[in-house]
Amino acid sequence: MGKLFWKFFFGFWLCLIAAAVATGTALYLMREKPASSDIAEGPRAQFMLETIQEVLEGKGPDALRNLLDRNRQRTGNAIPVFAVSSKGEEILRREVPDNIQQRITALFNGEEQAEQGTLQVTAQDQSKWILFIPRNRRHPEPSTNTSTGEPTPPHADKRKQREALEPPLPPVPGAGIFAAFLASLLFAGVLAYTFSRPLNTLKNAFREAGKGRLGVRISNNKTGKKRSDEIGELLSGFDHMAEEIETRIEQQKVLLHDVSHELRSPLARLNLAVGLARQNPAHLDTSLSRIETEAERLDNLIGQLLNLSRLDANQNAEILREHNVIELLVAVVEDAQFEAEQQSKLVEFTDDVRHWNLRCHAESLQGAFDNIIRNAIKHTPENTAVKICCRVQNKQLRIDIEDQGPGVPSALLPKLFTPFFKHGEHSGHGLGLAIAKKSIQRVNGELSARNCTPHGLLITIELPGSR
């Protein structure tokens, strides 16, 4: 068990003990507090009094006395209702506390009014009685059997009188305290284990991830299953973080492999051109031209890689400014139309929006438009057109760029915007669309692609902003 477990354990345990002590003290004080009246009140007491009243009024004192005697003989205890006559005698000759006896005498003399918990009854033989139940007392049996008239033993009479006057002793609380102690110990241990176990699992998972084992997942552990609370969210957050880091590292490995492969080809051609120049000086101009071409390709590739890396790291020295996206797009479309005409192709531009403001890096966004449109021109056959349409949809600017090429297999569409993705004979380095996606995402835009019917590829750009 770690330090966290013991902190939780002792913290919960002390809280439980403090709560138990406070509750026990409150109950003890409430128990020791004297009652405001020595006569029982409430619905239960009233029901018992009314039951005895019916017997007195219907059958008289003798019937009540016989009823109480039979109940005492059957159960061993007398019914706790006291019935005192106008002569001051209790029907079972039980001892009436002096303070209650004085109040009963005053009631019969008309000196006081009946208080709560007492009931004045006129029996069948017209005798007067007052019924009540003493509060918190065990009532002694009469000194003589009211049915046979035989006296009870003197020692029994004294013992019962003493029990009537003395409250019962409270039970020894040792067993209860020990049981509460064990229960609090067990509860604190379970609660501390419930909290500390997933946190220890999380600590071990971080330790494994720190060693480079990013494949560790807490959701595969029993600790992370079936938890929908905040701790479960914390464990799921770790899994998401580890998965994201692992994915990014894998992407970097793939990118590094692709970069080395892309650089190797022009470098090999450079070495070949240098070797040819040395072997045959007569073709020096041709070799130098080849070297210059490959150097430009290398420079272009490295520039694209740096641009992609900068966008991926979300770093750009340029400050974002408010620009009219339509103006930026029109400038790119005009250049693309000129280039397409040289290849016997067209670029058709439909503009339903004249102005759309967006805080962006103009050069980066124009570069994204240029990469997408040039890619469409590259894959569009001669004597066909690339269609570009702008409109506002769902409070966003939507730009559709559709070519007439063969499209991309559906299985490869998710990879279309990944670095070094190539498809078809017109593919370049495979970085243009990846850079375009990063640029558009940087301004909180979306880039998607789908195949058209019967052929062609439609790339959709959605940008936030306002008119």
Protein backbone atom coordinates (compact mmCIF):
# COMPACT_ATOMS: atom_id res chain seq x y z
CA MET A 1 0.00 0.00 0.00
CA GLY A 2 1.33 3.45 -0.91
CA LYS A 3 1.27 6.70 0.99
CA LEU A 4 -1.91 7.79 -0.74
CA PHE A 5 -3.81 4.76 0.57
CA TRP A 6 -2.86 5.49 4.17
CA LYS A 7 -3.73 9.16 3.79
CA PHE A 8 -7.17 8.23 2.50
CA PHE A 9 -7.52 5.48 5.10
CA PHE A 10 -6.72 7.56 8.18
CA GLY A 11 -8.60 10.57 6.82
CA PHE A 12 -11.82 8.60 6.27
CA TRP A 13 -11.37 6.68 9.52
CA LEU A 14 -10.92 9.80 11.64
CA CYS A 15 -13.96 11.39 10.00
CA LEU A 16 -16.06 8.30 10.73
CA ILE A 17 -14.88 8.15 14.36
CA ALA A 18 -15.56 11.86 14.83
CA ALA A 19 -19.05 11.46 13.36
CA ALA A 20 -19.74 8.44 15.59
CA VAL A 21 -18.54 10.27 18.73
CA ALA A 22 -20.62 13.33 17.87
CA THR A 23 -23.72 11.23 17.21
CA GLY A 24 -23.25 9.19 20.38
CA THR A 25 -22.75 12.31 22.48
CA ALA A 26 -25.86 13.92 21.05
CA LEU A 27 -27.93 10.80 21.73
CA TYR A 28 -26.53 10.55 25.26
CA LEU A 29 -27.37 14.16 26.02
CA MET A 30 -30.85 13.72 24.60
CA ARG A 31 -31.33 10.58 26.70
CA GLU A 32 -30.12 12.24 29.89
CA LYS A 33 -32.24 15.33 29.33
CA PRO A 34 -35.28 15.13 31.63
CA ALA A 35 -38.67 15.01 29.99
CA SER A 36 -40.79 18.14 30.12
CA SER A 37 -43.70 16.10 31.59
CA ASP A 38 -43.79 12.97 33.74
CA ILE A 39 -47.01 11.82 32.01
CA ALA A 40 -46.77 10.14 28.60
CA GLU A 41 -48.42 11.87 25.64
CA GLY A 42 -48.93 11.13 21.99
CA PRO A 43 -51.21 9.00 19.78
CA ARG A 44 -50.12 5.65 21.28
CA ALA A 45 -50.77 6.79 24.85
CA GLN A 46 -54.10 8.32 23.84
CA PHE A 47 -55.20 5.07 22.20
CA MET A 48 -54.42 3.03 25.33
CA LEU A 49 -56.27 5.52 27.54
CA GLU A 50 -59.36 5.43 25.31
CA THR A 51 -59.32 1.61 25.34
CA ILE A 52 -59.33 1.54 29.16
CA GLN A 53 -62.02 4.25 29.15
CA GLU A 54 -64.35 2.01 27.13
CA VAL A 55 -63.93 -0.82 29.65
CA LEU A 56 -64.61 1.47 32.62
CA GLU A 57 -67.65 3.11 31.07
CA GLY A 58 -69.08 -0.12 29.70
CA LYS A 59 -68.36 -2.72 32.40
CA GLY A 60 -67.11 -0.89 35.47
CA PRO A 61 -64.00 -0.96 37.70
CA ASP A 62 -64.27 -4.66 38.62
CA ALA A 63 -64.18 -5.71 34.99
CA LEU A 64 -61.16 -3.49 34.37
CA ARG A 65 -59.40 -4.89 37.44
CA ASN A 66 -60.02 -8.46 36.26
CA LEU A 67 -58.80 -7.57 32.75
CA LEU A 68 -55.57 -6.08 34.08
CA ASP A 69 -55.01 -9.07 36.39
CA ARG A 70 -55.49 -11.58 33.58
CA ASN A 71 -53.10 -9.62 31.37
CA ARG A 72 -50.50 -9.51 34.16
CA GLN A 73 -50.78 -13.26 34.78
CA ARG A 74 -50.52 -14.03 31.07
CA THR A 75 -47.64 -11.67 30.16
CA GLY A 76 -45.96 -11.07 33.51
CA ASN A 77 -46.39 -7.30 33.16
CA ALA A 78 -49.28 -5.02 33.91
CA ILE A 79 -50.68 -2.67 31.29
CA PRO A 80 -48.91 0.65 31.94
CA VAL A 81 -52.19 2.62 32.22
CA PHE A 82 -52.85 3.90 35.75
CA ALA A 83 -56.46 4.36 36.90
CA VAL A 84 -56.83 6.46 40.09
CA SER A 85 -60.23 6.85 41.76
CA SER A 86 -61.58 9.96 43.46
CA LYS A 87 -60.55 8.33 46.76
CA GLY A 88 -56.91 8.38 45.64
CA GLU A 89 -56.62 4.62 45.15
CA GLU A 90 -54.98 3.09 42.08
CA ILE A 91 -57.05 0.26 40.66
CA LEU A 92 -54.20 -2.28 40.98
CA ARG A 93 -52.83 -0.64 44.14
CA ARG A 94 -49.68 0.43 42.32
CA GLU A 95 -47.66 3.25 43.82
CA VAL A 96 -48.38 6.61 42.19
CA PRO A 97 -45.53 9.16 42.25
CA ASP A 98 -46.21 11.93 44.76
CA ASN A 99 -46.11 14.79 42.25
CA ILE A 100 -48.65 13.04 40.02
CA GLN A 101 -50.83 12.10 43.01
CA GLN A 102 -50.97 15.76 44.08
CA ARG A 103 -52.06 16.89 40.63
CA ILE A 104 -54.74 14.17 40.46
CA THR A 105 -56.13 15.27 43.83
CA ALA A 106 -56.23 18.86 42.57
CA LEU A 107 -58.09 17.71 39.45
CA PHE A 108 -60.75 15.92 41.50
CA ASN A 109 -61.11 19.01 43.73
CA GLY A 110 -61.51 21.26 40.68
CA GLU A 111 -58.35 23.23 41.54
CA GLU A 112 -56.66 22.43 38.20
CA GLN A 113 -57.73 21.63 34.67
CA ALA A 114 -56.98 18.28 33.04
CA GLU A 115 -53.52 18.29 31.48
CA GLN A 116 -52.36 16.66 28.28
CA GLY A 117 -52.04 12.87 28.69
CA THR A 118 -54.78 12.47 31.33
CA LEU A 119 -58.36 11.35 30.84
CA GLN A 120 -61.27 11.82 33.30
CA VAL A 121 -63.78 8.97 33.15
CA THR A 122 -67.12 8.25 34.82
CA ALA A 123 -67.41 4.49 35.26
CA GLN A 124 -70.57 2.39 34.89
CA ASP A 125 -71.19 2.61 38.66
CA GLN A 126 -70.86 6.43 38.48
CA SER A 127 -67.46 6.41 40.22
CA LYS A 128 -64.90 8.97 39.05
CA TRP A 129 -61.53 7.94 37.68
CA ILE A 130 -58.51 9.63 36.13
CA LEU A 131 -56.45 7.64 33.63
CA PHE A 132 -52.80 8.35 32.74
CA ILE A 133 -49.53 6.64 31.80
CA PRO A 134 -46.38 7.63 33.76
CA ARG A 135 -43.47 8.47 31.47
CA ASN A 136 -40.28 6.34 31.45
CA ARG A 137 -41.13 4.16 34.44
CA ARG A 138 -41.48 0.44 34.98
CA HIS A 139 -44.53 0.04 37.11
CA PRO A 140 -44.49 -2.24 40.19
CA GLU A 141 -47.03 -4.94 40.67
CA PRO A 142 -49.59 -4.43 43.44
CA SER A 143 -48.57 -5.53 46.95
CA THR A 144 -51.57 -7.91 46.94
CA ASN A 145 -53.14 -9.97 44.22
CA THR A 146 -56.30 -8.08 43.38
CA SER A 147 -58.09 -11.28 42.37
CA THR A 148 -57.22 -13.53 45.36
CA GLY A 149 -56.36 -10.88 47.94
CA GLU A 150 -53.15 -12.76 48.87
CA PRO A 151 -50.17 -10.51 49.74
CA THR A 152 -46.98 -10.66 47.74
CA PRO A 153 -43.71 -11.40 49.58
CA PRO A 154 -42.27 -8.31 51.34
CA HIS A 155 -38.88 -8.53 49.62
CA ALA A 156 -40.59 -8.69 46.22
CA ASP A 157 -42.75 -5.71 47.10
CA LYS A 158 -39.71 -3.63 48.10
CA ARG A 159 -37.78 -4.71 45.02
CA LYS A 160 -40.62 -3.73 42.69
CA GLN A 161 -41.07 -0.40 44.42
CA ARG A 162 -37.37 0.30 44.04
CA GLU A 163 -37.52 -0.59 40.33
CA ALA A 164 -40.46 1.76 39.93
CA LEU A 165 -38.60 4.69 41.44
CA GLU A 166 -35.18 4.06 39.88
CA PRO A 167 -34.69 4.37 36.09
CA PRO A 168 -33.19 1.34 34.35
CA LEU A 169 -29.43 1.31 34.02
CA PRO A 170 -28.17 1.83 30.46
CA PRO A 171 -26.65 -1.24 28.81
CA VAL A 172 -22.89 -1.57 28.74
CA PRO A 173 -21.81 0.01 25.39
CA GLY A 174 -18.53 -1.91 25.04
CA ALA A 175 -19.76 -4.40 22.45
CA GLY A 176 -21.45 -1.69 20.40
CA ILE A 177 -18.35 0.51 20.47
CA PHE A 178 -16.16 -2.41 19.39
CA ALA A 179 -18.54 -3.28 16.54
CA ALA A 180 -18.64 0.36 15.41
CA PHE A 181 -14.84 0.48 15.58
CA LEU A 182 -14.49 -2.58 13.34
CA ALA A 183 -17.17 -1.34 10.93
CA SER A 184 -15.50 2.07 10.59
CA LEU A 185 -12.12 0.38 10.10
CA LEU A 186 -13.49 -1.83 7.33
CA PHE A 187 -15.41 0.98 5.65
CA ALA A 188 -12.40 3.33 5.72
CA GLY A 189 -10.19 0.58 4.27
CA VAL A 190 -12.59 -0.19 1.41
CA LEU A 191 -13.11 3.49 0.62
CA ALA A 192 -9.38 4.25 0.69
CA TYR A 193 -8.68 1.24 -1.54
CA THR A 194 -11.38 2.34 -3.98
CA PHE A 195 -9.69 5.72 -4.44
CA SER A 196 -6.03 4.74 -4.21
CA ARG A 197 -6.09 1.69 -6.48
CA PRO A 198 -6.93 3.48 -9.77
CA LEU A 199 -4.49 6.29 -8.90
CA ASN A 200 -1.71 3.75 -8.30
CA THR A 201 -2.60 2.14 -11.62
CA LEU A 202 -2.39 5.54 -13.28
CA LYS A 203 1.01 6.15 -11.65
CA ASN A 204 2.33 2.83 -12.98
CA ALA A 205 0.95 3.61 -16.44
CA PHE A 206 2.76 6.97 -16.49
CA ARG A 207 5.93 5.19 -15.42
CA GLU A 208 5.59 2.73 -18.32
CA ALA A 209 4.86 5.55 -20.76
CA GLY A 210 7.94 7.40 -19.50
CA LYS A 211 10.01 4.36 -20.47
CA GLY A 212 8.70 4.62 -24.02
CA ARG A 213 6.06 1.89 -23.78
CA LEU A 214 3.22 3.96 -25.19
CA GLY A 215 1.07 0.91 -25.91
CA VAL A 216 0.00 0.72 -22.25
CA ARG A 217 -3.75 1.26 -21.76
CA ILE A 218 -5.60 1.47 -18.46
CA SER A 219 -8.89 0.52 -20.11
CA ASN A 220 -7.44 -2.97 -20.61
CA ASN A 221 -6.95 -3.20 -16.85
CA LYS A 222 -9.74 -4.23 -14.46
CA THR A 223 -9.28 -0.92 -12.64
CA GLY A 224 -10.41 1.12 -15.60
CA LYS A 225 -13.53 -0.90 -16.44
CA LYS A 226 -17.09 0.11 -15.62
CA ARG A 227 -16.20 3.48 -14.09
CA SER A 228 -18.33 6.42 -15.15
CA ASP A 229 -17.18 8.87 -12.47
CA GLU A 230 -14.44 11.51 -12.53
CA ILE A 231 -11.73 8.93 -11.83
CA GLY A 232 -12.96 6.90 -14.80
CA GLU A 233 -12.73 10.05 -16.94
CA LEU A 234 -9.17 10.60 -15.69
CA LEU A 235 -8.17 7.06 -16.67
CA SER A 236 -9.85 7.43 -20.07
CA GLY A 237 -8.01 10.73 -20.50
CA PHE A 238 -4.70 8.96 -19.99
CA ASP A 239 -5.62 6.34 -22.60
CA HIS A 240 -6.56 9.08 -25.06
CA MET A 241 -3.31 10.95 -24.38
CA ALA A 242 -1.17 7.82 -24.75
CA GLU A 243 -2.97 6.87 -27.97
CA GLU A 244 -2.53 10.38 -29.38
CA ILE A 245 1.19 10.46 -28.54
CA GLU A 246 1.71 6.97 -29.94
CA THR A 247 -0.09 7.93 -33.15
CA ARG A 248 1.97 11.09 -33.56
CA ILE A 249 5.24 9.26 -32.98
CA GLU A 250 4.23 6.62 -35.52
CA GLN A 251 3.34 9.37 -37.97
CA GLN A 252 6.73 10.98 -37.41
CA LYS A 253 8.44 7.65 -38.06
CA VAL A 254 6.49 7.19 -41.28
CA LEU A 255 7.19 10.80 -42.25
CA LEU A 256 10.91 10.36 -41.60
CA HIS A 257 10.91 7.23 -43.73
CA ASP A 258 9.04 8.97 -46.55
CA VAL A 259 11.29 12.05 -46.36
CA SER A 260 14.43 9.93 -46.61
CA HIS A 261 12.92 8.09 -49.56
CA GLU A 262 11.94 11.33 -51.34
CA LEU A 263 15.37 12.86 -50.75
CA ARG A 264 17.21 9.75 -51.88
CA SER A 265 15.80 9.85 -55.43
CA PRO A 266 16.92 13.39 -56.41
CA LEU A 267 20.24 12.90 -54.63
CA ALA A 268 20.82 9.73 -56.63
CA ARG A 269 20.05 11.61 -59.84
CA LEU A 270 22.44 14.38 -58.77
CA ASN A 271 25.23 11.88 -58.20
CA LEU A 272 24.47 10.28 -61.55
CA ALA A 273 24.65 13.66 -63.32
CA VAL A 274 27.96 14.47 -61.60
CA GLY A 275 29.37 11.08 -62.60
CA LEU A 276 28.31 11.57 -66.23
CA ALA A 277 29.91 15.02 -66.28
CA ARG A 278 33.20 13.60 -65.08
CA GLN A 279 33.16 10.72 -67.54
CA ASN A 280 32.14 12.80 -70.54
CA PRO A 281 33.09 16.48 -70.32
CA ALA A 282 31.49 17.05 -73.71
CA HIS A 283 28.05 16.70 -72.12
CA LEU A 284 28.90 19.04 -69.27
CA ASP A 285 26.13 21.53 -70.12
CA THR A 286 23.51 18.76 -70.15
CA SER A 287 24.75 17.39 -66.83
CA LEU A 288 24.78 20.84 -65.25
CA SER A 289 21.22 21.46 -66.44
CA ARG A 290 20.20 18.14 -64.91
CA ILE A 291 21.94 19.02 -61.66
CA GLU A 292 20.18 22.39 -61.59
CA THR A 293 16.78 20.74 -62.12
CA GLU A 294 17.33 18.21 -59.34
CA ALA A 295 18.60 20.96 -57.01
CA GLU A 296 15.39 22.93 -57.62
CA ARG A 297 13.34 19.83 -56.84
CA LEU A 298 15.28 19.32 -53.65
CA ASP A 299 14.82 22.95 -52.69
CA ASN A 300 11.09 22.74 -53.40
CA LEU A 301 10.76 19.51 -51.41
CA ILE A 302 12.67 20.88 -48.43
CA GLY A 303 10.62 24.09 -48.55
CA GLN A 304 7.40 22.09 -48.47
CA LEU A 305 8.68 19.98 -45.59
CA LEU A 306 9.60 23.08 -43.60
CA ASN A 307 6.20 24.61 -44.33
CA LEU A 308 4.44 21.42 -43.23
CA SER A 309 6.54 21.23 -40.07
CA ARG A 310 5.80 24.87 -39.23
CA LEU A 311 2.06 24.38 -39.70
CA ASP A 312 2.09 21.13 -37.76
CA ALA A 313 3.81 22.89 -34.85
CA ASN A 314 1.33 25.78 -35.18
CA GLN A 315 4.17 28.25 -35.54
CA ASN A 316 4.12 31.19 -37.90
CA ALA A 317 5.92 34.49 -37.61
CA GLU A 318 3.17 36.28 -39.50
CA ILE A 319 0.45 38.01 -37.48
CA LEU A 320 -3.10 37.02 -38.43
CA ARG A 321 -4.99 39.87 -40.06
CA GLU A 322 -8.48 40.44 -41.43
CA HIS A 323 -8.66 39.51 -45.13
CA ASN A 324 -11.33 39.13 -47.77
CA VAL A 325 -11.15 35.43 -48.60
CA ILE A 326 -12.88 35.96 -51.96
CA GLU A 327 -10.14 38.33 -53.12
CA LEU A 328 -7.45 35.84 -52.11
CA LEU A 329 -9.25 33.05 -53.98
CA VAL A 330 -9.85 35.13 -57.12
CA ALA A 331 -6.13 35.94 -57.36
CA VAL A 332 -5.27 32.23 -57.25
CA VAL A 333 -8.03 31.34 -59.74
CA GLU A 334 -6.77 33.89 -62.29
CA ASP A 335 -3.27 32.39 -62.20
CA ALA A 336 -4.73 28.87 -62.43
CA GLN A 337 -6.87 29.83 -65.46
CA PHE A 338 -3.78 31.05 -67.31
CA GLU A 339 -1.86 27.86 -66.47
CA ALA A 340 -4.81 25.63 -67.45
CA GLU A 341 -5.15 27.30 -70.85
CA GLN A 342 -1.57 26.30 -71.66
CA GLN A 343 -2.63 22.67 -71.13
CA SER A 344 -5.89 22.93 -73.13
CA LYS A 345 -7.95 22.90 -69.92
CA LEU A 346 -10.41 25.33 -68.33
CA VAL A 347 -11.08 26.66 -64.83
CA GLU A 348 -14.71 27.73 -64.37
CA PHE A 349 -15.32 29.99 -61.39
CA THR A 350 -18.81 30.69 -59.97
CA ASP A 351 -18.93 33.32 -57.26
CA ASP A 352 -22.16 33.82 -55.29
CA VAL A 353 -20.33 35.70 -52.54
CA ARG A 354 -18.53 39.02 -53.04
CA HIS A 355 -17.06 39.50 -49.60
CA TRP A 356 -16.11 37.18 -46.74
CA ASN A 357 -13.96 38.40 -43.85
CA LEU A 358 -11.61 36.04 -42.02
CA ARG A 359 -8.61 36.53 -39.74
CA CYS A 360 -5.89 34.50 -41.41
CA HIS A 361 -2.37 34.42 -42.80
CA ALA A 362 -3.02 35.43 -46.40
CA GLU A 363 0.01 33.71 -47.94
CA SER A 364 -0.70 30.44 -46.13
CA LEU A 365 -4.38 30.40 -47.13
CA GLN A 366 -3.58 31.30 -50.74
CA GLY A 367 -1.02 28.50 -50.77
CA ALA A 368 -3.74 26.07 -49.68
CA PHE A 369 -6.07 27.26 -52.48
CA ASP A 370 -3.21 27.02 -55.00
CA ASN A 371 -2.24 23.47 -53.98
CA ILE A 372 -5.82 22.20 -54.25
CA ILE A 373 -6.62 23.93 -57.56
CA ARG A 374 -3.30 22.92 -59.19
CA ASN A 375 -3.86 19.35 -58.05
CA ALA A 376 -7.31 19.42 -59.70
CA ILE A 377 -5.86 20.82 -62.95
CA LYS A 378 -3.14 18.17 -62.93
CA HIS A 379 -5.68 15.30 -62.81
CA THR A 380 -8.25 16.82 -65.19
CA PRO A 381 -8.03 15.54 -68.81
CA GLU A 382 -7.54 17.94 -71.72
CA ASN A 383 -10.58 19.79 -73.06
CA THR A 384 -12.36 19.50 -69.70
CA ALA A 385 -12.87 22.02 -66.92
CA VAL A 386 -12.15 22.35 -63.23
CA LYS A 387 -15.27 23.83 -61.58
CA ILE A 388 -14.92 26.15 -58.59
CA CYS A 389 -18.02 27.38 -56.76
CA CYS A 390 -18.37 29.68 -53.72
CA ARG A 391 -21.49 30.00 -51.58
CA VAL A 392 -22.57 30.53 -47.98
CA GLN A 393 -23.98 27.49 -46.21
CA ASN A 394 -24.76 27.12 -42.48
CA LYS A 395 -23.11 30.49 -41.76
CA GLN A 396 -19.85 29.29 -43.32
CA LEU A 397 -18.15 29.96 -46.62
CA ARG A 398 -18.16 26.79 -48.71
CA ILE A 399 -15.75 26.43 -51.63
CA ASP A 400 -16.23 23.40 -53.92
CA ILE A 401 -13.40 22.43 -56.30
CA GLU A 402 -14.36 19.64 -58.71
CA ASP A 403 -12.12 18.04 -61.34
CA GLN A 404 -12.98 15.60 -64.15
CA GLY A 405 -10.26 13.07 -63.37
CA PRO A 406 -10.61 9.40 -62.40
CA GLY A 407 -11.03 10.20 -58.70
CA VAL A 408 -9.54 8.28 -55.80
CA PRO A 409 -10.53 4.78 -54.63
CA SER A 410 -12.87 5.03 -51.65
CA ALA A 411 -10.48 3.04 -49.46
CA LEU A 412 -7.76 5.64 -50.06
CA LEU A 413 -9.87 8.76 -49.47
CA PRO A 414 -9.03 8.95 -45.72
CA LYS A 415 -5.31 9.05 -46.64
CA LEU A 416 -5.71 11.77 -49.27
CA PHE A 417 -4.52 14.58 -46.96
CA THR A 418 -1.68 12.68 -45.28
CA PRO A 419 1.94 13.60 -46.14
CA PHE A 420 3.52 11.80 -49.14
CA PHE A 421 0.24 10.28 -50.29
CA LYS A 422 0.50 9.53 -54.00
CA HIS A 423 -2.04 8.15 -56.44
CA GLY A 424 -1.92 8.13 -60.22
CA GLU A 425 0.75 9.02 -62.71
CA HIS A 426 0.54 12.78 -62.10
CA SER A 427 1.52 12.63 -58.43
CA GLY A 428 4.23 14.95 -57.12
CA HIS A 429 5.83 14.75 -53.72
CA GLY A 430 2.46 14.19 -52.03
CA LEU A 431 2.78 17.16 -49.68
CA GLY A 432 0.53 19.77 -51.30
CA LEU A 433 -2.83 18.55 -49.97
CA ALA A 434 -1.34 17.80 -46.54
CA ILE A 435 -0.06 21.40 -46.31
CA ALA A 436 -3.44 22.70 -47.53
CA LYS A 437 -5.29 20.79 -44.82
CA LYS A 438 -2.98 22.13 -42.08
CA SER A 439 -3.40 25.70 -43.37
CA ILE A 440 -7.19 25.48 -43.42
CA GLN A 441 -7.40 23.81 -40.04
CA ARG A 442 -5.30 26.61 -38.59
CA VAL A 443 -8.15 29.08 -39.24
CA ASN A 444 -10.69 26.60 -37.80
CA GLY A 445 -11.79 25.49 -41.24
CA GLU A 446 -12.56 22.02 -42.60
CA LEU A 447 -11.28 20.20 -45.69
CA SER A 448 -12.99 17.10 -47.07
CA ALA A 449 -13.09 15.08 -50.29
CA ARG A 450 -15.46 12.70 -52.03
CA ASN A 451 -15.75 11.05 -55.43
CA CYS A 452 -18.24 12.35 -57.97
CA THR A 453 -20.51 10.43 -60.33
CA PRO A 454 -19.59 9.16 -62.91
CA HIS A 455 -16.02 10.36 -62.32
CA GLY A 456 -14.03 13.15 -60.77
CA LEU A 457 -13.05 14.27 -57.30
CA LEU A 458 -14.81 17.00 -55.29
CA ILE A 459 -12.80 18.77 -52.59
CA THR A 460 -14.80 21.00 -50.23
CA ILE A 461 -13.37 23.81 -48.12
CA GLU A 462 -15.49 25.22 -45.26
CA LEU A 463 -14.30 28.42 -43.61
CA PRO A 464 -15.71 30.42 -40.69
CA GLY A 465 -15.97 34.21 -40.83
CA SER A 466 -18.55 36.80 -41.78
CA ARG A 467 -19.65 38.91 -44.72
